[in-house]
Amino acid sequence: MRIVFAGTPEFARVALAALQEAGHTIALVLSQPDRPGGRGMKLQASAVKQFALQHAMAVAQPRSLRLDGKFPEDAATAQADIAAANADVMVVAAYGLILPQWVLDMPKLGCLNIHASLLPRWRGAAPIHRAIEAGDTQTGITIMQMDAGLDTGDMLLTQVLPIQPQDTTALLHDKLAALGGQMVVQALRLAAKDALEPVKQPAVGVTYAHKIEKSESLIDWSHTADQIVRRVLAFDPFPGTHSSLNGEVIKIWSATASAAKPPPTAAIGEIIAQVPTGIAVVAINSVVVLTQLQRPGGRRLAATDFLRGTDIRPGMRFSGPAISTSTSTPALNPTPTSA
């Protein structure tokens, strides 16, 4: 088939590579404009654009597809480019721009979206993060016929993927990206035979995966240990989670819920012990063990290595949204070295 592909990050690049490997003709690739990034904040091409250029695919990067929007010239040029591509179908994966009706109507078979959840659960921008954060035991891929709504179109194919207890967003992303690439190739194979069977999304069970905000990365120790652990997993690699210990921001990259109960006199956010696997901290009616941490300017370290270079003792207290630490709390200092 002749395909217009619209996508931006690594999740989409995997799907584009799968389509190319399956022998489809990629007539045009749409991707978001280059963004500043890295230490030098230089303009960087998206993962999809990089792949497309490496394989001599035509690339367009409109700032908008709305003909009556802020960038009508970009939209008009994109409209001409898509029309010239004369595509059978548009495949969309994590593109990042809203497709107006004229785009949805242009390809012969419309626009198919690769969505990283089992719709209608987790419509929206961050379905992988929110599934882990909510404690879901499974997720999956939905290949959807796009309409004008937010992930509301008919479902064409679905496949379940279990969420393992230690799956981070990074790990689950890679599994879902590979599955999405396989499934969209399958969907196009069925479409060529007119064998796709659209299914309306149920009206019940709808949830929305709202965009991840950096402000959410601050750990709230008044949550349970299970809730804290799920957020740590969900926010790896972005935006990470953190908490302050005596004015120093400590990033927390890995944690487990302990079976132990906190001492009755311990405060929320208080460090109560150093255990073989990490640092035991009091959450609401529970204990969370921090197993991988990072100081400002440092790198991720297993808790055992982290503790070798940092003086952390029981009685110290992490701060959180509703916690103000006492001025009598011992200071956080590097571990003294012997003379």
Protein backbone atom coordinates (compact mmCIF):
# COMPACT_ATOMS: atom_id res chain seq x y z
CA MET A 1 0.00 0.00 0.00
CA ARG A 2 0.93 3.64 -0.40
CA ILE A 3 1.10 5.17 3.06
CA VAL A 4 1.34 8.60 4.58
CA PHE A 5 2.87 8.10 8.02
CA ALA A 6 2.45 10.62 10.84
CA GLY A 7 4.48 10.21 14.01
CA THR A 8 7.22 11.78 16.09
CA PRO A 9 8.91 9.83 18.94
CA GLU A 10 10.60 6.44 19.19
CA PHE A 11 7.25 4.64 19.63
CA ALA A 12 6.28 5.84 16.15
CA ARG A 13 9.70 5.13 14.63
CA VAL A 14 9.31 1.44 15.50
CA ALA A 15 6.01 1.34 13.63
CA LEU A 16 7.45 3.16 10.61
CA ALA A 17 10.32 0.68 10.46
CA ALA A 18 7.86 -2.24 10.61
CA LEU A 19 5.83 -0.81 7.73
CA GLN A 20 8.91 -0.32 5.60
CA GLU A 21 10.16 -3.83 6.36
CA ALA A 22 6.76 -5.22 5.36
CA GLY A 23 7.24 -3.74 1.89
CA HIS A 24 4.79 -0.85 1.98
CA THR A 25 5.53 2.33 0.06
CA ILE A 26 5.98 5.27 2.43
CA ALA A 27 4.92 8.12 0.17
CA LEU A 28 5.22 10.85 2.82
CA VAL A 29 6.25 11.17 6.47
CA LEU A 30 4.79 13.84 8.73
CA SER A 31 6.62 14.63 11.96
CA GLN A 32 6.69 17.47 14.47
CA PRO A 33 9.11 20.34 13.85
CA ASP A 34 12.64 19.98 15.21
CA ARG A 35 12.88 20.92 18.90
CA PRO A 36 15.80 22.21 20.99
CA GLY A 37 17.25 19.56 23.25
CA GLY A 38 20.37 18.26 24.94
CA ARG A 39 22.83 20.29 26.97
CA GLY A 40 23.41 22.76 24.17
CA MET A 41 19.67 23.03 23.42
CA LYS A 42 20.40 22.61 19.71
CA LEU A 43 17.58 21.78 17.33
CA GLN A 44 17.08 18.02 17.16
CA ALA A 45 15.11 16.00 14.64
CA SER A 46 12.53 13.55 15.92
CA ALA A 47 13.21 9.81 15.91
CA VAL A 48 10.75 9.45 13.03
CA LYS A 49 12.36 12.19 10.94
CA GLN A 50 15.82 10.72 11.47
CA PHE A 51 14.65 7.29 10.30
CA ALA A 52 12.82 8.78 7.31
CA LEU A 53 15.85 10.74 6.13
CA GLN A 54 18.11 7.71 6.56
CA HIS A 55 15.80 5.82 4.19
CA ALA A 56 15.26 8.63 1.66
CA MET A 57 11.61 9.20 2.58
CA ALA A 58 9.92 12.54 1.91
CA VAL A 59 9.37 14.45 5.17
CA ALA A 60 7.05 17.35 6.03
CA GLN A 61 7.00 19.13 9.39
CA PRO A 62 3.99 21.46 9.54
CA ARG A 63 3.48 23.36 12.77
CA SER A 64 -0.26 22.85 12.37
CA LEU A 65 -2.73 21.12 10.07
CA ARG A 66 -5.55 23.57 10.71
CA LEU A 67 -6.28 25.60 7.60
CA ASP A 68 -7.96 28.24 9.76
CA GLY A 69 -5.40 28.08 12.56
CA LYS A 70 -2.28 29.94 13.60
CA PHE A 71 -0.14 28.56 10.74
CA PRO A 72 -2.44 28.35 7.71
CA GLU A 73 0.49 28.39 5.27
CA ASP A 74 1.96 25.26 6.90
CA ALA A 75 -1.43 23.55 6.77
CA ALA A 76 -2.02 24.45 3.12
CA THR A 77 1.41 23.13 2.13
CA ALA A 78 0.78 19.92 4.07
CA GLN A 79 -2.61 19.55 2.38
CA ALA A 80 -0.94 19.74 -1.02
CA ASP A 81 1.79 17.30 0.03
CA ILE A 82 -0.73 14.75 1.35
CA ALA A 83 -2.86 15.05 -1.77
CA ALA A 84 0.21 14.55 -3.98
CA ALA A 85 1.13 11.41 -2.00
CA ASN A 86 -2.08 9.79 -3.27
CA ALA A 87 -2.03 7.42 -0.31
CA ASP A 88 -4.27 4.45 0.32
CA VAL A 89 -4.11 5.07 4.06
CA MET A 90 -2.54 7.28 6.69
CA VAL A 91 -0.98 5.55 9.70
CA VAL A 92 -0.69 7.70 12.82
CA ALA A 93 1.36 6.93 15.93
CA ALA A 94 2.09 9.48 18.66
CA TYR A 95 2.15 12.32 16.14
CA GLY A 96 1.28 15.13 18.52
CA LEU A 97 -0.91 17.25 16.22
CA ILE A 98 -4.69 17.11 15.98
CA LEU A 99 -5.88 15.87 12.59
CA PRO A 100 -8.69 18.04 11.17
CA GLN A 101 -11.49 16.48 9.16
CA TRP A 102 -9.87 17.22 5.79
CA VAL A 103 -6.92 14.99 6.78
CA LEU A 104 -9.19 12.19 8.03
CA ASP A 105 -11.10 12.23 4.75
CA MET A 106 -8.21 12.37 2.29
CA PRO A 107 -6.71 8.82 2.21
CA LYS A 108 -8.84 6.17 0.55
CA LEU A 109 -8.98 4.03 3.71
CA GLY A 110 -8.89 6.93 6.11
CA CYS A 111 -6.47 7.23 9.03
CA LEU A 112 -5.46 4.36 11.31
CA ASN A 113 -4.04 5.10 14.74
CA ILE A 114 -1.75 2.90 16.85
CA HIS A 115 -2.84 3.57 20.43
CA ALA A 116 -0.94 2.18 23.43
CA SER A 117 -3.90 1.04 25.54
CA LEU A 118 -6.98 -1.12 25.42
CA LEU A 119 -9.55 1.47 24.47
CA PRO A 120 -11.70 2.99 25.82
CA ARG A 121 -9.42 2.83 28.87
CA TRP A 122 -6.71 5.47 28.80
CA ARG A 123 -7.64 7.66 25.89
CA GLY A 124 -5.29 10.59 25.63
CA ALA A 125 -1.65 11.58 25.79
CA ALA A 126 0.00 9.33 28.40
CA PRO A 127 -1.65 5.90 28.37
CA ILE A 128 1.48 3.94 29.33
CA HIS A 129 2.32 6.12 32.33
CA ARG A 130 -1.24 6.20 33.62
CA ALA A 131 -1.79 2.45 33.30
CA ILE A 132 1.25 1.74 35.48
CA GLU A 133 0.40 4.52 37.92
CA ALA A 134 -3.13 3.17 38.36
CA GLY A 135 -1.89 -0.34 39.08
CA ASP A 136 -3.41 -1.92 35.96
CA THR A 137 -2.35 -5.54 35.46
CA GLN A 138 -2.70 -5.38 31.69
CA THR A 139 -2.63 -2.96 28.80
CA GLY A 140 -2.20 -3.48 25.08
CA ILE A 141 -2.47 -1.99 21.63
CA THR A 142 -5.59 -0.82 19.85
CA ILE A 143 -5.53 -0.16 16.12
CA MET A 144 -8.28 2.40 15.67
CA GLN A 145 -10.06 4.04 12.74
CA MET A 146 -9.59 7.70 13.55
CA ASP A 147 -12.48 10.14 13.79
CA ALA A 148 -12.75 13.73 14.95
CA GLY A 149 -12.87 12.80 18.67
CA LEU A 150 -10.04 12.15 21.11
CA ASP A 151 -9.29 8.44 20.61
CA THR A 152 -13.00 7.73 20.12
CA GLY A 153 -12.92 5.94 16.74
CA ASP A 154 -13.92 2.38 15.96
CA MET A 155 -11.55 -0.36 17.10
CA LEU A 156 -10.13 -2.50 14.31
CA LEU A 157 -7.68 -4.74 16.19
CA THR A 158 -6.76 -5.15 19.85
CA GLN A 159 -4.18 -7.24 21.64
CA VAL A 160 -3.58 -7.55 25.38
CA LEU A 161 -0.14 -7.21 26.96
CA PRO A 162 0.36 -8.04 30.67
CA ILE A 163 2.00 -5.40 32.85
CA GLN A 164 4.71 -7.00 34.95
CA PRO A 165 5.17 -5.85 38.58
CA GLN A 166 8.51 -4.15 37.84
CA ASP A 167 7.63 -2.68 34.44
CA THR A 168 8.66 0.95 34.15
CA THR A 169 7.22 3.18 31.46
CA ALA A 170 10.50 2.75 29.56
CA LEU A 171 10.24 -1.06 29.59
CA LEU A 172 6.54 -1.16 28.80
CA HIS A 173 6.95 1.46 26.06
CA ASP A 174 9.41 -0.76 24.20
CA LYS A 175 7.16 -3.81 24.43
CA LEU A 176 4.13 -1.85 23.22
CA ALA A 177 6.07 -0.17 20.42
CA ALA A 178 7.12 -3.55 19.03
CA LEU A 179 3.58 -4.90 19.38
CA GLY A 180 2.14 -1.79 17.69
CA GLY A 181 4.43 -2.23 14.70
CA GLN A 182 3.38 -5.86 14.30
CA MET A 183 -0.31 -5.06 14.65
CA VAL A 184 -0.45 -2.19 12.17
CA VAL A 185 1.20 -4.41 9.55
CA GLN A 186 -1.46 -7.03 10.32
CA ALA A 187 -4.21 -4.41 10.07
CA LEU A 188 -3.07 -3.30 6.62
CA ARG A 189 -2.88 -6.92 5.47
CA LEU A 190 -6.52 -7.36 6.52
CA ALA A 191 -7.51 -4.00 5.02
CA ALA A 192 -6.12 -5.11 1.64
CA LYS A 193 -8.55 -8.04 1.79
CA ASP A 194 -11.41 -5.83 3.05
CA ALA A 195 -11.40 -8.06 6.14
CA LEU A 196 -11.23 -5.49 8.94
CA GLU A 197 -14.29 -5.51 11.20
CA PRO A 198 -14.78 -2.16 13.00
CA VAL A 199 -16.14 -2.35 16.54
CA LYS A 200 -17.65 0.64 18.34
CA GLN A 201 -15.95 1.54 21.60
CA PRO A 202 -18.01 0.77 24.72
CA ALA A 203 -19.66 3.74 26.37
CA VAL A 204 -18.57 2.49 29.80
CA GLY A 205 -15.03 2.15 31.13
CA VAL A 206 -13.76 5.35 29.55
CA THR A 207 -10.72 6.87 31.28
CA TYR A 208 -8.39 9.68 30.18
CA ALA A 209 -4.61 9.57 30.34
CA HIS A 210 -3.85 13.21 30.95
CA LYS A 211 -0.45 14.59 29.97
CA ILE A 212 2.29 14.08 32.55
CA GLU A 213 3.21 17.31 34.32
CA LYS A 214 6.61 17.86 35.94
CA SER A 215 4.84 18.98 39.10
CA GLU A 216 3.59 15.43 39.58
CA SER A 217 7.12 14.13 40.10
CA LEU A 218 7.27 15.31 43.74
CA ILE A 219 6.62 12.30 45.96
CA ASP A 220 3.72 12.64 48.37
CA TRP A 221 4.63 10.52 51.40
CA SER A 222 1.02 10.68 52.62
CA HIS A 223 0.21 8.18 49.85
CA THR A 224 0.57 4.46 50.46
CA ALA A 225 3.79 2.61 49.66
CA ASP A 226 2.07 0.85 46.76
CA GLN A 227 0.95 4.18 45.28
CA ILE A 228 4.42 5.66 45.62
CA VAL A 229 6.09 2.64 44.02
CA ARG A 230 3.68 2.72 41.08
CA ARG A 231 4.39 6.39 40.46
CA VAL A 232 8.15 5.78 40.60
CA LEU A 233 7.75 3.06 37.97
CA ALA A 234 5.37 5.15 35.85
CA PHE A 235 7.62 8.21 35.80
CA ASP A 236 10.77 6.40 34.68
CA PRO A 237 12.34 7.73 32.47
CA PHE A 238 10.33 11.00 32.47
CA PRO A 239 9.92 13.08 34.53
CA GLY A 240 11.30 10.89 37.31
CA THR A 241 10.25 11.27 40.95
CA HIS A 242 11.98 13.24 43.65
CA SER A 243 11.84 14.40 47.23
CA SER A 244 13.87 16.83 49.32
CA LEU A 245 16.05 15.81 52.23
CA ASN A 246 17.29 18.82 54.19
CA GLY A 247 17.12 21.11 51.18
CA GLU A 248 18.78 18.74 48.70
CA VAL A 249 16.62 17.30 45.92
CA ILE A 250 17.04 13.54 45.70
CA LYS A 251 15.73 11.73 42.63
CA ILE A 252 14.21 8.33 43.34
CA TRP A 253 14.31 5.91 40.42
CA SER A 254 13.37 2.61 42.01
CA ALA A 255 11.46 1.53 45.11
CA THR A 256 9.56 -1.39 46.60
CA ALA A 257 6.72 -1.67 49.10
CA SER A 258 7.79 -3.34 52.34
CA ALA A 259 5.68 -5.81 54.31
CA ALA A 260 6.82 -4.07 57.50
CA LYS A 261 4.57 -1.70 59.41
CA PRO A 262 5.89 1.74 60.40
CA PRO A 263 6.59 2.43 64.09
CA PRO A 264 3.58 4.16 65.69
CA THR A 265 5.63 7.25 66.56
CA ALA A 266 7.27 7.65 63.13
CA ALA A 267 6.31 10.63 60.98
CA ILE A 268 5.30 10.53 57.32
CA GLY A 269 8.46 10.76 55.18
CA GLU A 270 10.76 9.71 58.04
CA ILE A 271 13.67 7.39 57.38
CA ILE A 272 13.36 4.52 59.85
CA ALA A 273 16.10 2.13 58.78
CA GLN A 274 18.77 1.13 56.33
CA VAL A 275 17.84 -2.36 55.15
CA PRO A 276 19.84 -4.73 52.89
CA THR A 277 17.93 -3.58 49.79
CA GLY A 278 17.74 0.15 50.49
CA ILE A 279 16.38 2.95 52.65
CA ALA A 280 13.11 2.37 54.53
CA VAL A 281 10.83 5.43 54.60
CA VAL A 282 7.42 5.85 56.22
CA ALA A 283 4.40 6.32 53.96
CA ILE A 284 0.78 6.37 55.10
CA ASN A 285 0.23 3.17 57.12
CA SER A 286 3.07 1.52 55.20
CA VAL A 287 6.79 1.51 54.46
CA VAL A 288 8.48 2.10 51.11
CA VAL A 289 12.08 1.00 50.47
CA LEU A 290 14.08 3.25 48.15
CA THR A 291 16.43 1.11 46.08
CA GLN A 292 17.89 3.46 43.44
CA LEU A 293 18.61 7.17 44.02
CA GLN A 294 20.45 10.09 42.46
CA ARG A 295 21.92 13.27 43.95
CA PRO A 296 22.08 16.54 41.97
CA GLY A 297 24.82 16.28 39.36
CA GLY A 298 25.35 12.62 40.10
CA ARG A 299 24.18 9.45 38.44
CA ARG A 300 21.67 6.80 39.34
CA LEU A 301 23.03 4.54 42.05
CA ALA A 302 21.77 1.46 43.82
CA ALA A 303 20.91 2.41 47.40
CA THR A 304 23.88 0.46 48.78
CA ASP A 305 26.28 2.49 46.62
CA PHE A 306 24.38 5.72 47.27
CA LEU A 307 24.74 5.28 51.03
CA ARG A 308 28.52 4.91 50.78
CA GLY A 309 28.83 8.53 49.73
CA THR A 310 25.98 10.11 51.68
CA ASP A 311 25.28 10.36 55.38
CA ILE A 312 21.66 9.26 55.67
CA ARG A 313 20.46 8.10 59.07
CA PRO A 314 17.21 7.04 60.72
CA GLY A 315 15.35 10.07 62.02
CA MET A 316 16.01 12.17 58.93
CA ARG A 317 12.88 13.09 57.05
CA PHE A 318 12.00 13.56 53.39
CA SER A 319 9.74 16.51 52.68
CA GLY A 320 6.66 16.43 50.50
CA PRO A 321 3.65 18.51 49.45
CA ALA A 322 2.14 18.54 52.95
CA ILE A 323 5.29 18.04 55.03
CA SER A 324 7.48 20.67 56.64
CA THR A 325 10.65 19.24 58.13
CA SER A 326 11.81 20.18 61.60
CA THR A 327 14.91 22.35 61.93
CA SER A 328 16.20 19.76 64.40
CA THR A 329 16.41 17.08 61.69
CA PRO A 330 20.03 15.92 61.23
CA ALA A 331 21.75 17.52 58.24
CA LEU A 332 22.42 15.58 55.05
CA ASN A 333 26.18 15.53 54.49
CA PRO A 334 28.62 13.41 52.56
CA THR A 335 29.83 10.47 54.62
CA PRO A 336 33.03 11.54 56.44
CA THR A 337 36.17 9.81 55.22
CA SER A 338 38.88 8.69 57.59
CA ALA A 339 42.07 10.72 57.70
